[in-house]
Amino acid sequence: KTHEQVVRGTLAELHTWATSGDVLGEVTVVLAGAEARE
């Protein structure tokens, strides 16, 4: 759409972005797969 926006980063960075203003429109979230643990 006209106001397409993709915000990438860590979950902490994305939370800061989401609380800095109103989130508008249809939202789809992609979460990275977990890294293998030893």
PDB file of all heavy atoms in Angstrom:
ATOM      1  N   LYS A   1       0.837  -1.197   0.000  1.00  0.00           N
ATOM      2  CA  LYS A   1       0.000   0.000   0.000  1.00  0.00           C
ATOM      3  C   LYS A   1       0.879   1.258   0.000  1.00  0.00           C
ATOM      4  O   LYS A   1       2.103   1.191   0.093  1.00  0.00           O
ATOM      5  CB  LYS A   1      -0.946  -0.011   1.201  1.00  0.00           C
ATOM      6  CG  LYS A   1      -1.885  -1.209   1.202  1.00  0.00           C
ATOM      7  CD  LYS A   1      -2.739  -1.258   2.452  1.00  0.00           C
ATOM      8  CE  LYS A   1      -3.601  -2.518   2.475  1.00  0.00           C
ATOM      9  NZ  LYS A   1      -4.381  -2.655   3.713  1.00  0.00           N
ATOM     10  N   THR A   2       0.248   2.398  -0.064  1.00  0.00           N
ATOM     11  CA  THR A   2       0.977   3.659  -0.166  1.00  0.00           C
ATOM     12  C   THR A   2       1.937   3.864   0.992  1.00  0.00           C
ATOM     13  O   THR A   2       3.059   4.356   0.813  1.00  0.00           O
ATOM     14  CB  THR A   2      -0.017   4.837  -0.227  1.00  0.00           C
ATOM     15  OG1 THR A   2      -0.896   4.646  -1.343  1.00  0.00           O
ATOM     16  CG2 THR A   2       0.724   6.156  -0.372  1.00  0.00           C
ATOM     17  N   HIS A   3       1.520   3.488   2.190  1.00  0.00           N
ATOM     18  CA  HIS A   3       2.344   3.723   3.381  1.00  0.00           C
ATOM     19  C   HIS A   3       3.015   2.449   3.868  1.00  0.00           C
ATOM     20  O   HIS A   3       3.193   2.247   5.073  1.00  0.00           O
ATOM     21  CB  HIS A   3       1.479   4.332   4.487  1.00  0.00           C
ATOM     22  CG  HIS A   3       0.845   5.642   4.105  1.00  0.00           C
ATOM     23  ND1 HIS A   3       1.583   6.795   3.921  1.00  0.00           N
ATOM     24  CD2 HIS A   3      -0.449   5.972   3.849  1.00  0.00           C
ATOM     25  CE1 HIS A   3       0.765   7.791   3.576  1.00  0.00           C
ATOM     26  NE2 HIS A   3      -0.471   7.318   3.519  1.00  0.00           N
ATOM     27  N   GLU A   4       3.419   1.592   2.934  1.00  0.00           N
ATOM     28  CA  GLU A   4       4.125   0.364   3.306  1.00  0.00           C
ATOM     29  C   GLU A   4       5.361   0.695   4.144  1.00  0.00           C
ATOM     30  O   GLU A   4       6.101   1.638   3.851  1.00  0.00           O
ATOM     31  CB  GLU A   4       4.540  -0.401   2.054  1.00  0.00           C
ATOM     32  CG  GLU A   4       5.371  -1.640   2.344  1.00  0.00           C
ATOM     33  CD  GLU A   4       5.755  -2.388   1.082  1.00  0.00           C
ATOM     34  OE1 GLU A   4       4.893  -3.089   0.529  1.00  0.00           O
ATOM     35  OE2 GLU A   4       6.918  -2.238   0.641  1.00  0.00           O
ATOM     36  N   GLN A   5       5.569  -0.113   5.185  1.00  0.00           N
ATOM     37  CA  GLN A   5       6.724   0.090   6.066  1.00  0.00           C
ATOM     38  C   GLN A   5       7.194  -1.255   6.589  1.00  0.00           C
ATOM     39  O   GLN A   5       6.384  -2.074   7.039  1.00  0.00           O
ATOM     40  CB  GLN A   5       6.348   1.015   7.235  1.00  0.00           C
ATOM     41  CG  GLN A   5       7.504   1.324   8.167  1.00  0.00           C
ATOM     42  CD  GLN A   5       7.082   2.224   9.327  1.00  0.00           C
ATOM     43  OE1 GLN A   5       5.901   2.275   9.687  1.00  0.00           O
ATOM     44  NE2 GLN A   5       8.027   2.937   9.901  1.00  0.00           N
ATOM     45  N   VAL A   6       8.489  -1.491   6.539  1.00  0.00           N
ATOM     46  CA  VAL A   6       9.085  -2.697   7.112  1.00  0.00           C
ATOM     47  C   VAL A   6      10.150  -2.249   8.113  1.00  0.00           C
ATOM     48  O   VAL A   6      11.112  -1.570   7.739  1.00  0.00           O
ATOM     49  CB  VAL A   6       9.710  -3.607   6.039  1.00  0.00           C
ATOM     50  CG1 VAL A   6      10.321  -4.853   6.688  1.00  0.00           C
ATOM     51  CG2 VAL A   6       8.665  -4.008   5.002  1.00  0.00           C
ATOM     52  N   VAL A   7       9.953  -2.601   9.367  1.00  0.00           N
ATOM     53  CA  VAL A   7      10.893  -2.230  10.424  1.00  0.00           C
ATOM     54  C   VAL A   7      11.610  -3.498  10.875  1.00  0.00           C
ATOM     55  O   VAL A   7      10.973  -4.455  11.317  1.00  0.00           O
ATOM     56  CB  VAL A   7      10.175  -1.570  11.620  1.00  0.00           C
ATOM     57  CG1 VAL A   7      11.187  -1.056  12.633  1.00  0.00           C
ATOM     58  CG2 VAL A   7       9.273  -0.442  11.144  1.00  0.00           C
ATOM     59  N   ARG A   8      12.923  -3.512  10.758  1.00  0.00           N
ATOM     60  CA  ARG A   8      13.724  -4.681  11.078  1.00  0.00           C
ATOM     61  C   ARG A   8      14.628  -4.380  12.263  1.00  0.00           C
ATOM     62  O   ARG A   8      15.117  -3.260  12.407  1.00  0.00           O
ATOM     63  CB  ARG A   8      14.578  -5.110   9.880  1.00  0.00           C
ATOM     64  CG  ARG A   8      13.792  -5.294   8.584  1.00  0.00           C
ATOM     65  CD  ARG A   8      14.719  -5.526   7.401  1.00  0.00           C
ATOM     66  NE  ARG A   8      13.986  -5.623   6.133  1.00  0.00           N
ATOM     67  CZ  ARG A   8      13.677  -4.595   5.364  1.00  0.00           C
ATOM     68  NH1 ARG A   8      14.034  -3.369   5.741  1.00  0.00           N
ATOM     69  NH2 ARG A   8      13.004  -4.767   4.245  1.00  0.00           N
ATOM     70  N   GLY A   9      14.887  -5.390  13.080  1.00  0.00           N
ATOM     71  CA  GLY A   9      15.791  -5.192  14.212  1.00  0.00           C
ATOM     72  C   GLY A   9      15.592  -6.252  15.258  1.00  0.00           C
ATOM     73  O   GLY A   9      14.963  -7.286  15.031  1.00  0.00           O
ATOM     74  N   THR A  10      16.136  -6.009  16.443  1.00  0.00           N
ATOM     75  CA  THR A  10      15.922  -6.918  17.567  1.00  0.00           C
ATOM     76  C   THR A  10      14.521  -6.682  18.143  1.00  0.00           C
ATOM     77  O   THR A  10      13.898  -5.634  17.882  1.00  0.00           O
ATOM     78  CB  THR A  10      16.963  -6.699  18.667  1.00  0.00           C
ATOM     79  OG1 THR A  10      16.768  -5.377  19.215  1.00  0.00           O
ATOM     80  CG2 THR A  10      18.381  -6.814  18.114  1.00  0.00           C
ATOM     81  N   LEU A  11      14.066  -7.620  18.928  1.00  0.00           N
ATOM     82  CA  LEU A  11      12.749  -7.437  19.553  1.00  0.00           C
ATOM     83  C   LEU A  11      12.725  -6.191  20.437  1.00  0.00           C
ATOM     84  O   LEU A  11      11.714  -5.484  20.481  1.00  0.00           O
ATOM     85  CB  LEU A  11      12.390  -8.675  20.372  1.00  0.00           C
ATOM     86  CG  LEU A  11      11.987  -9.915  19.574  1.00  0.00           C
ATOM     87  CD1 LEU A  11      11.801 -11.113  20.497  1.00  0.00           C
ATOM     88  CD2 LEU A  11      10.704  -9.654  18.782  1.00  0.00           C
ATOM     89  N   ALA A  12      13.830  -5.918  21.126  1.00  0.00           N
ATOM     90  CA  ALA A  12      13.888  -4.713  21.964  1.00  0.00           C
ATOM     91  C   ALA A  12      13.770  -3.455  21.107  1.00  0.00           C
ATOM     92  O   ALA A  12      13.048  -2.507  21.459  1.00  0.00           O
ATOM     93  CB  ALA A  12      15.184  -4.698  22.771  1.00  0.00           C
ATOM     94  N   GLU A  13      14.469  -3.426  19.980  1.00  0.00           N
ATOM     95  CA  GLU A  13      14.398  -2.261  19.091  1.00  0.00           C
ATOM     96  C   GLU A  13      13.003  -2.100  18.501  1.00  0.00           C
ATOM     97  O   GLU A  13      12.492  -0.969  18.386  1.00  0.00           O
ATOM     98  CB  GLU A  13      15.434  -2.415  17.979  1.00  0.00           C
ATOM     99  CG  GLU A  13      16.871  -2.299  18.465  1.00  0.00           C
ATOM    100  CD  GLU A  13      17.882  -2.725  17.421  1.00  0.00           C
ATOM    101  OE1 GLU A  13      17.493  -3.437  16.455  1.00  0.00           O
ATOM    102  OE2 GLU A  13      19.073  -2.367  17.571  1.00  0.00           O
ATOM    103  N   LEU A  14      12.383  -3.194  18.138  1.00  0.00           N
ATOM    104  CA  LEU A  14      11.037  -3.123  17.565  1.00  0.00           C
ATOM    105  C   LEU A  14      10.025  -2.674  18.610  1.00  0.00           C
ATOM    106  O   LEU A  14       9.088  -1.931  18.293  1.00  0.00           O
ATOM    107  CB  LEU A  14      10.640  -4.477  16.986  1.00  0.00           C
ATOM    108  CG  LEU A  14      11.463  -4.926  15.771  1.00  0.00           C
ATOM    109  CD1 LEU A  14      11.046  -6.321  15.332  1.00  0.00           C
ATOM    110  CD2 LEU A  14      11.309  -3.951  14.612  1.00  0.00           C
ATOM    111  N   HIS A  15      10.203  -3.109  19.852  1.00  0.00           N
ATOM    112  CA  HIS A  15       9.286  -2.660  20.911  1.00  0.00           C
ATOM    113  C   HIS A  15       9.419  -1.156  21.132  1.00  0.00           C
ATOM    114  O   HIS A  15       8.419  -0.446  21.295  1.00  0.00           O
ATOM    115  CB  HIS A  15       9.565  -3.415  22.211  1.00  0.00           C
ATOM    116  CG  HIS A  15       8.718  -2.955  23.349  1.00  0.00           C
ATOM    117  ND1 HIS A  15       9.212  -2.270  24.429  1.00  0.00           N
ATOM    118  CD2 HIS A  15       7.362  -3.052  23.542  1.00  0.00           C
ATOM    119  CE1 HIS A  15       8.224  -1.976  25.254  1.00  0.00           C
ATOM    120  NE2 HIS A  15       7.095  -2.432  24.746  1.00  0.00           N
ATOM    121  N   THR A  16      10.658  -0.662  21.114  1.00  0.00           N
ATOM    122  CA  THR A  16      10.870   0.789  21.253  1.00  0.00           C
ATOM    123  C   THR A  16      10.186   1.540  20.118  1.00  0.00           C
ATOM    124  O   THR A  16       9.542   2.574  20.328  1.00  0.00           O
ATOM    125  CB  THR A  16      12.377   1.106  21.262  1.00  0.00           C
ATOM    126  OG1 THR A  16      12.986   0.451  22.381  1.00  0.00           O
ATOM    127  CG2 THR A  16      12.612   2.604  21.358  1.00  0.00           C
ATOM    128  N   TRP A  17      10.333   1.023  18.903  1.00  0.00           N
ATOM    129  CA  TRP A  17       9.665   1.657  17.753  1.00  0.00           C
ATOM    130  C   TRP A  17       8.147   1.661  17.928  1.00  0.00           C
ATOM    131  O   TRP A  17       7.484   2.681  17.683  1.00  0.00           O
ATOM    132  CB  TRP A  17      10.042   0.917  16.476  1.00  0.00           C
ATOM    133  CG  TRP A  17       9.140   1.245  15.318  1.00  0.00           C
ATOM    134  CD1 TRP A  17       9.188   2.351  14.524  1.00  0.00           C
ATOM    135  CD2 TRP A  17       8.021   0.468  14.868  1.00  0.00           C
ATOM    136  NE1 TRP A  17       8.176   2.312  13.594  1.00  0.00           N
ATOM    137  CE2 TRP A  17       7.441   1.164  13.780  1.00  0.00           C
ATOM    138  CE3 TRP A  17       7.466  -0.738  15.265  1.00  0.00           C
ATOM    139  CZ2 TRP A  17       6.325   0.682  13.102  1.00  0.00           C
ATOM    140  CZ3 TRP A  17       6.354  -1.231  14.583  1.00  0.00           C
ATOM    141  CH2 TRP A  17       5.792  -0.528  13.510  1.00  0.00           C
ATOM    142  N   ALA A  18       7.576   0.538  18.353  1.00  0.00           N
ATOM    143  CA  ALA A  18       6.122   0.415  18.447  1.00  0.00           C
ATOM    144  C   ALA A  18       5.537   1.305  19.534  1.00  0.00           C
ATOM    145  O   ALA A  18       4.370   1.709  19.439  1.00  0.00           O
ATOM    146  CB  ALA A  18       5.734  -1.045  18.703  1.00  0.00           C
ATOM    147  N   THR A  19       6.323   1.612  20.558  1.00  0.00           N
ATOM    148  CA  THR A  19       5.819   2.455  21.646  1.00  0.00           C
ATOM    149  C   THR A  19       6.113   3.931  21.430  1.00  0.00           C
ATOM    150  O   THR A  19       5.672   4.776  22.211  1.00  0.00           O
ATOM    151  CB  THR A  19       6.427   2.009  22.994  1.00  0.00           C
ATOM    152  OG1 THR A  19       7.867   2.004  22.891  1.00  0.00           O
ATOM    153  CG2 THR A  19       5.948   0.623  23.371  1.00  0.00           C
ATOM    154  N   SER A  20       6.848   4.251  20.364  1.00  0.00           N
ATOM    155  CA  SER A  20       7.194   5.657  20.110  1.00  0.00           C
ATOM    156  C   SER A  20       6.099   6.400  19.363  1.00  0.00           C
ATOM    157  O   SER A  20       6.158   7.619  19.213  1.00  0.00           O
ATOM    158  CB  SER A  20       8.506   5.736  19.322  1.00  0.00           C
ATOM    159  OG  SER A  20       8.346   5.149  18.036  1.00  0.00           O
ATOM    160  N   GLY A  21       5.099   5.688  18.876  1.00  0.00           N
ATOM    161  CA  GLY A  21       3.986   6.313  18.151  1.00  0.00           C
ATOM    162  C   GLY A  21       2.928   5.280  17.853  1.00  0.00           C
ATOM    163  O   GLY A  21       3.088   4.090  18.166  1.00  0.00           O
ATOM    164  N   ASP A  22       1.841   5.706  17.256  1.00  0.00           N
ATOM    165  CA  ASP A  22       0.752   4.783  16.930  1.00  0.00           C
ATOM    166  C   ASP A  22       1.146   3.868  15.780  1.00  0.00           C
ATOM    167  O   ASP A  22       1.706   4.310  14.774  1.00  0.00           O
ATOM    168  CB  ASP A  22      -0.510   5.558  16.547  1.00  0.00           C
ATOM    169  CG  ASP A  22      -1.101   6.313  17.729  1.00  0.00           C
ATOM    170  OD1 ASP A  22      -0.861   5.895  18.871  1.00  0.00           O
ATOM    171  OD2 ASP A  22      -1.789   7.329  17.495  1.00  0.00           O
ATOM    172  N   VAL A  23       0.855   2.576  15.954  1.00  0.00           N
ATOM    173  CA  VAL A  23       1.032   1.604  14.875  1.00  0.00           C
ATOM    174  C   VAL A  23      -0.291   1.509  14.130  1.00  0.00           C
ATOM    175  O   VAL A  23      -1.324   1.215  14.739  1.00  0.00           O
ATOM    176  CB  VAL A  23       1.446   0.223  15.425  1.00  0.00           C
ATOM    177  CG1 VAL A  23       1.588  -0.780  14.290  1.00  0.00           C
ATOM    178  CG2 VAL A  23       2.747   0.332  16.210  1.00  0.00           C
ATOM    179  N   LEU A  24      -0.275   1.753  12.833  1.00  0.00           N
ATOM    180  CA  LEU A  24      -1.508   1.798  12.051  1.00  0.00           C
ATOM    181  C   LEU A  24      -1.458   0.779  10.928  1.00  0.00           C
ATOM    182  O   LEU A  24      -0.390   0.415  10.437  1.00  0.00           O
ATOM    183  CB  LEU A  24      -1.716   3.202  11.476  1.00  0.00           C
ATOM    184  CG  LEU A  24      -1.763   4.357  12.478  1.00  0.00           C
ATOM    185  CD1 LEU A  24      -1.822   5.695  11.740  1.00  0.00           C
ATOM    186  CD2 LEU A  24      -2.943   4.201  13.425  1.00  0.00           C
ATOM    187  N   GLY A  25      -2.637   0.333  10.493  1.00  0.00           N
ATOM    188  CA  GLY A  25      -2.743  -0.516   9.318  1.00  0.00           C
ATOM    189  C   GLY A  25      -2.610  -2.000   9.611  1.00  0.00           C
ATOM    190  O   GLY A  25      -2.535  -2.429  10.766  1.00  0.00           O
ATOM    191  N   GLU A  26      -2.579  -2.787   8.541  1.00  0.00           N
ATOM    192  CA  GLU A  26      -2.444  -4.235   8.644  1.00  0.00           C
ATOM    193  C   GLU A  26      -1.006  -4.584   9.027  1.00  0.00           C
ATOM    194  O   GLU A  26      -0.061  -4.092   8.413  1.00  0.00           O
ATOM    195  CB  GLU A  26      -2.793  -4.896   7.310  1.00  0.00           C
ATOM    196  CG  GLU A  26      -4.184  -4.543   6.781  1.00  0.00           C
ATOM    197  CD  GLU A  26      -5.273  -5.333   7.474  1.00  0.00           C
ATOM    198  OE1 GLU A  26      -4.943  -6.369   8.102  1.00  0.00           O
ATOM    199  OE2 GLU A  26      -6.441  -4.924   7.386  1.00  0.00           O
ATOM    200  N   VAL A  27      -0.850  -5.456  10.022  1.00  0.00           N
ATOM    201  CA  VAL A  27       0.481  -5.782  10.543  1.00  0.00           C
ATOM    202  C   VAL A  27       0.769  -7.272  10.399  1.00  0.00           C
ATOM    203  O   VAL A  27      -0.052  -8.111  10.781  1.00  0.00           O
ATOM    204  CB  VAL A  27       0.608  -5.369  12.026  1.00  0.00           C
ATOM    205  CG1 VAL A  27       1.930  -5.867  12.613  1.00  0.00           C
ATOM    206  CG2 VAL A  27       0.496  -3.854  12.172  1.00  0.00           C
ATOM    207  N   THR A  28       1.939  -7.579   9.845  1.00  0.00           N
ATOM    208  CA  THR A  28       2.440  -8.947   9.783  1.00  0.00           C
ATOM    209  C   THR A  28       3.824  -8.959  10.409  1.00  0.00           C
ATOM    210  O   THR A  28       4.664  -8.116  10.069  1.00  0.00           O
ATOM    211  CB  THR A  28       2.530  -9.450   8.332  1.00  0.00           C
ATOM    212  OG1 THR A  28       1.258  -9.307   7.692  1.00  0.00           O
ATOM    213  CG2 THR A  28       2.948 -10.912   8.288  1.00  0.00           C
ATOM    214  N   VAL A  29       4.052  -9.887  11.328  1.00  0.00           N
ATOM    215  CA  VAL A  29       5.325  -9.965  12.045  1.00  0.00           C
ATOM    216  C   VAL A  29       6.063 -11.231  11.614  1.00  0.00           C
ATOM    217  O   VAL A  29       5.460 -12.296  11.487  1.00  0.00           O
ATOM    218  CB  VAL A  29       5.114  -9.983  13.573  1.00  0.00           C
ATOM    219  CG1 VAL A  29       6.452 -10.073  14.306  1.00  0.00           C
ATOM    220  CG2 VAL A  29       4.351  -8.742  14.022  1.00  0.00           C
ATOM    221  N   VAL A  30       7.367 -11.088  11.385  1.00  0.00           N
ATOM    222  CA  VAL A  30       8.225 -12.239  11.097  1.00  0.00           C
ATOM    223  C   VAL A  30       9.255 -12.340  12.214  1.00  0.00           C
ATOM    224  O   VAL A  30       9.981 -11.382  12.487  1.00  0.00           O
ATOM    225  CB  VAL A  30       8.936 -12.094   9.740  1.00  0.00           C
ATOM    226  CG1 VAL A  30       9.755 -13.362   9.446  1.00  0.00           C
ATOM    227  CG2 VAL A  30       7.930 -11.845   8.620  1.00  0.00           C
ATOM    228  N   LEU A  31       9.304 -13.484  12.853  1.00  0.00           N
ATOM    229  CA  LEU A  31      10.231 -13.737  13.956  1.00  0.00           C
ATOM    230  C   LEU A  31      11.322 -14.678  13.473  1.00  0.00           C
ATOM    231  O   LEU A  31      11.029 -15.741  12.898  1.00  0.00           O
ATOM    232  CB  LEU A  31       9.475 -14.368  15.129  1.00  0.00           C
ATOM    233  CG  LEU A  31      10.291 -14.761  16.363  1.00  0.00           C
ATOM    234  CD1 LEU A  31      10.826 -13.522  17.061  1.00  0.00           C
ATOM    235  CD2 LEU A  31       9.424 -15.583  17.316  1.00  0.00           C
ATOM    236  N   ALA A  32      12.562 -14.306  13.692  1.00  0.00           N
ATOM    237  CA  ALA A  32      13.669 -15.159  13.262  1.00  0.00           C
ATOM    238  C   ALA A  32      13.649 -16.477  14.017  1.00  0.00           C
ATOM    239  O   ALA A  32      13.248 -16.546  15.187  1.00  0.00           O
ATOM    240  CB  ALA A  32      14.998 -14.449  13.496  1.00  0.00           C
ATOM    241  N   GLY A  33      14.091 -17.524  13.360  1.00  0.00           N
ATOM    242  CA  GLY A  33      14.211 -18.813  14.027  1.00  0.00           C
ATOM    243  C   GLY A  33      15.249 -18.757  15.134  1.00  0.00           C
ATOM    244  O   GLY A  33      16.205 -17.971  15.086  1.00  0.00           O
ATOM    245  N   ALA A  34      15.066 -19.594  16.142  1.00  0.00           N
ATOM    246  CA  ALA A  34      16.004 -19.625  17.264  1.00  0.00           C
ATOM    247  C   ALA A  34      17.335 -20.228  16.824  1.00  0.00           C
ATOM    248  O   ALA A  34      17.380 -21.137  15.995  1.00  0.00           O
ATOM    249  CB  ALA A  34      15.414 -20.432  18.413  1.00  0.00           C
ATOM    250  N   GLU A  35      18.409 -19.714  17.371  1.00  0.00           N
ATOM    251  CA  GLU A  35      19.713 -20.295  17.103  1.00  0.00           C
ATOM    252  C   GLU A  35      19.862 -21.590  17.886  1.00  0.00           C
ATOM    253  O   GLU A  35      19.310 -21.741  18.981  1.00  0.00           O
ATOM    254  CB  GLU A  35      20.821 -19.312  17.492  1.00  0.00           C
ATOM    255  CG  GLU A  35      20.822 -18.034  16.659  1.00  0.00           C
ATOM    256  CD  GLU A  35      21.959 -17.113  17.034  1.00  0.00           C
ATOM    257  OE1 GLU A  35      22.759 -17.510  17.922  1.00  0.00           O
ATOM    258  OE2 GLU A  35      22.055 -16.026  16.459  1.00  0.00           O
ATOM    259  N   ALA A  36      20.610 -22.510  17.310  1.00  0.00           N
ATOM    260  CA  ALA A  36      20.820 -23.796  17.986  1.00  0.00           C
ATOM    261  C   ALA A  36      21.566 -23.580  19.294  1.00  0.00           C
ATOM    262  O   ALA A  36      22.552 -22.841  19.353  1.00  0.00           O
ATOM    263  CB  ALA A  36      21.613 -24.743  17.086  1.00  0.00           C
ATOM    264  N   ARG A  37      21.055 -24.220  20.336  1.00  0.00           N
ATOM    265  CA  ARG A  37      21.706 -24.117  21.636  1.00  0.00           C
ATOM    266  C   ARG A  37      22.654 -25.302  21.831  1.00  0.00           C
ATOM    267  O   ARG A  37      22.335 -26.428  21.462  1.00  0.00           O
ATOM    268  CB  ARG A  37      20.680 -24.119  22.767  1.00  0.00           C
ATOM    269  CG  ARG A  37      19.791 -22.897  22.803  1.00  0.00           C
ATOM    270  CD  ARG A  37      18.941 -22.903  24.037  1.00  0.00           C
ATOM    271  NE  ARG A  37      18.101 -24.103  24.122  1.00  0.00           N
ATOM    272  CZ  ARG A  37      17.440 -24.469  25.218  1.00  0.00           C
ATOM    273  NH1 ARG A  37      17.548 -23.770  26.315  1.00  0.00           N
ATOM    274  NH2 ARG A  37      16.681 -25.550  25.207  1.00  0.00           N
ATOM    275  N   GLU A  38      23.789 -25.026  22.454  1.00  0.00           N
ATOM    276  CA  GLU A  38      24.712 -26.114  22.766  1.00  0.00           C
ATOM    277  C   GLU A  38      24.185 -26.870  23.970  1.00  0.00           C
ATOM    278  O   GLU A  38      23.872 -26.277  25.008  1.00  0.00           O
ATOM    279  CB  GLU A  38      26.105 -25.557  23.052  1.00  0.00           C
ATOM    280  CG  GLU A  38      27.160 -26.625  23.275  1.00  0.00           C
ATOM    281  CD  GLU A  38      28.540 -26.042  23.452  1.00  0.00           C
ATOM    282  OE1 GLU A  38      28.707 -24.843  23.164  1.00  0.00           O
ATOM    283  OE2 GLU A  38      29.440 -26.779  23.881  1.00  0.00           O
TER     284      GLU A  38
END
